[in-house]
Amino acid sequence: MGYSRAVAAGPHVFVSGTAPIAAEGGDPPADAYGQARLCLHLVLEALERAGASAADVVRTRMFLTDAADMDEIGRAHAEVFGELRPASSALVVKALLDPRWRIEIEADALIA
């Protein structure tokens, strides 16, 4: 489908929607917090491969399937970005591609 996990363009790094897909292909964590932590781990790996870090993130977008999960997703987000405070959006969507997924996260970074 023509897809990149992350694209670096000049000082910008754009990380695509990142779902809670375990490296070994197993089931995602069942809970929203666990899924958000896995998504963020994958986002940070993609940033690192593109020459960026969490400190370079200026915006995140979180797509969640249940607004009731926001506190747990927000807790995971704060563990990574709490001190950094990027601009963030959270959107409730009807569904994600895999019905087991509760969250998908995008990130944009600016390398100084």
Protein backbone atom coordinates (compact mmCIF):
# COMPACT_ATOMS: atom_id res chain seq x y z
CA MET A 1 0.00 0.00 0.00
CA GLY A 2 3.04 2.30 0.00
CA TYR A 3 3.68 2.96 3.68
CA SER A 4 6.45 4.18 5.97
CA ARG A 5 6.46 4.01 9.77
CA ALA A 6 8.27 7.35 9.79
CA VAL A 7 9.38 9.89 7.22
CA ALA A 8 12.11 12.46 7.78
CA ALA A 9 11.88 15.60 5.64
CA GLY A 10 14.46 18.23 6.52
CA PRO A 11 14.17 18.90 10.25
CA HIS A 12 10.72 17.24 10.41
CA VAL A 13 9.93 13.63 11.33
CA PHE A 14 6.41 12.32 10.84
CA VAL A 15 5.49 9.04 12.52
CA SER A 16 2.49 7.29 11.01
CA GLY A 17 -0.45 5.98 12.96
CA THR A 18 1.10 3.38 15.25
CA ALA A 19 -1.08 0.56 16.51
CA PRO A 20 -0.34 -1.83 19.40
CA ILE A 21 1.25 -4.53 17.26
CA ALA A 22 3.67 -6.74 19.17
CA ALA A 23 6.99 -7.43 17.42
CA GLU A 24 6.51 -11.17 17.70
CA GLY A 25 3.01 -10.96 16.22
CA GLY A 26 1.17 -11.88 19.41
CA ASP A 27 -2.05 -10.39 20.66
CA PRO A 28 -1.96 -6.76 21.75
CA PRO A 29 -2.33 -6.03 25.47
CA ALA A 30 -6.00 -6.23 26.44
CA ASP A 31 -6.06 -2.94 28.36
CA ALA A 32 -5.90 0.61 26.99
CA TYR A 33 -2.90 1.55 29.15
CA GLY A 34 -0.87 -1.43 27.94
CA GLN A 35 -1.80 -0.75 24.34
CA ALA A 36 -0.88 2.93 24.64
CA ARG A 37 2.49 2.03 26.20
CA LEU A 38 3.21 -0.38 23.34
CA CYS A 39 2.21 2.22 20.73
CA LEU A 40 4.44 4.82 22.36
CA HIS A 41 7.35 2.35 22.53
CA LEU A 42 6.98 1.77 18.78
CA VAL A 43 6.71 5.52 18.12
CA LEU A 44 9.91 6.16 20.09
CA GLU A 45 11.73 3.41 18.16
CA ALA A 46 10.64 4.98 14.86
CA LEU A 47 11.75 8.42 16.01
CA GLU A 48 15.15 7.06 17.02
CA ARG A 49 15.66 5.37 13.64
CA ALA A 50 14.85 8.72 11.99
CA GLY A 51 17.34 10.60 14.16
CA ALA A 52 14.85 12.11 16.63
CA SER A 53 13.73 11.49 20.20
CA ALA A 54 10.75 12.10 22.47
CA ALA A 55 12.21 15.52 23.29
CA ASP A 56 11.82 16.51 19.62
CA VAL A 57 8.09 15.69 19.46
CA VAL A 58 5.92 18.75 18.92
CA ARG A 59 2.55 17.07 18.29
CA THR A 60 0.81 13.79 18.99
CA ARG A 61 -2.54 12.52 17.79
CA MET A 62 -4.33 9.73 19.59
CA PHE A 63 -7.18 7.83 17.98
CA LEU A 64 -9.15 5.82 20.51
CA THR A 65 -12.22 3.66 20.19
CA ASP A 66 -13.70 4.40 23.63
CA ALA A 67 -13.61 7.78 25.38
CA ALA A 68 -13.66 5.94 28.72
CA ASP A 69 -10.07 4.81 27.97
CA MET A 70 -8.71 8.37 27.90
CA ASP A 71 -7.48 8.42 31.50
CA GLU A 72 -5.39 5.28 31.02
CA ILE A 73 -4.14 6.39 27.61
CA GLY A 74 -3.36 9.82 29.02
CA ARG A 75 -1.40 8.22 31.86
CA ALA A 76 0.79 6.35 29.36
CA HIS A 77 1.20 9.50 27.24
CA ALA A 78 2.23 11.51 30.32
CA GLU A 79 4.89 8.94 31.22
CA VAL A 80 6.65 9.76 27.94
CA PHE A 81 5.64 13.35 27.24
CA GLY A 82 4.55 14.80 30.61
CA GLU A 83 7.53 17.12 31.00
CA LEU A 84 7.79 17.81 27.26
CA ARG A 85 4.14 18.80 26.73
CA PRO A 86 3.70 18.52 22.93
CA ALA A 87 0.51 19.78 21.34
CA SER A 88 -1.85 16.79 21.47
CA SER A 89 -5.21 15.75 20.14
CA ALA A 90 -7.37 12.82 21.13
CA LEU A 91 -10.15 11.68 18.82
CA VAL A 92 -12.72 8.99 19.40
CA VAL A 93 -13.21 6.92 16.27
CA LYS A 94 -15.79 4.28 15.47
CA ALA A 95 -13.20 1.55 14.89
CA LEU A 96 -9.57 0.86 14.05
CA LEU A 97 -8.40 -1.73 11.51
CA ASP A 98 -8.12 -4.56 14.04
CA PRO A 99 -11.08 -4.83 16.44
CA ARG A 100 -8.67 -5.68 19.29
CA TRP A 101 -6.98 -2.29 19.00
CA ARG A 102 -8.17 0.41 21.39
CA ILE A 103 -5.63 3.09 20.43
CA GLU A 104 -3.43 4.27 17.58
CA ILE A 105 -0.92 7.11 17.98
CA GLU A 106 0.80 9.49 15.52
CA ALA A 107 3.67 11.85 16.32
CA ASP A 108 5.36 14.77 14.59
CA ALA A 109 8.85 15.86 15.61
CA LEU A 110 11.05 18.81 14.79
CA ILE A 111 14.79 18.25 15.07
CA ALA A 112 16.52 21.45 16.14
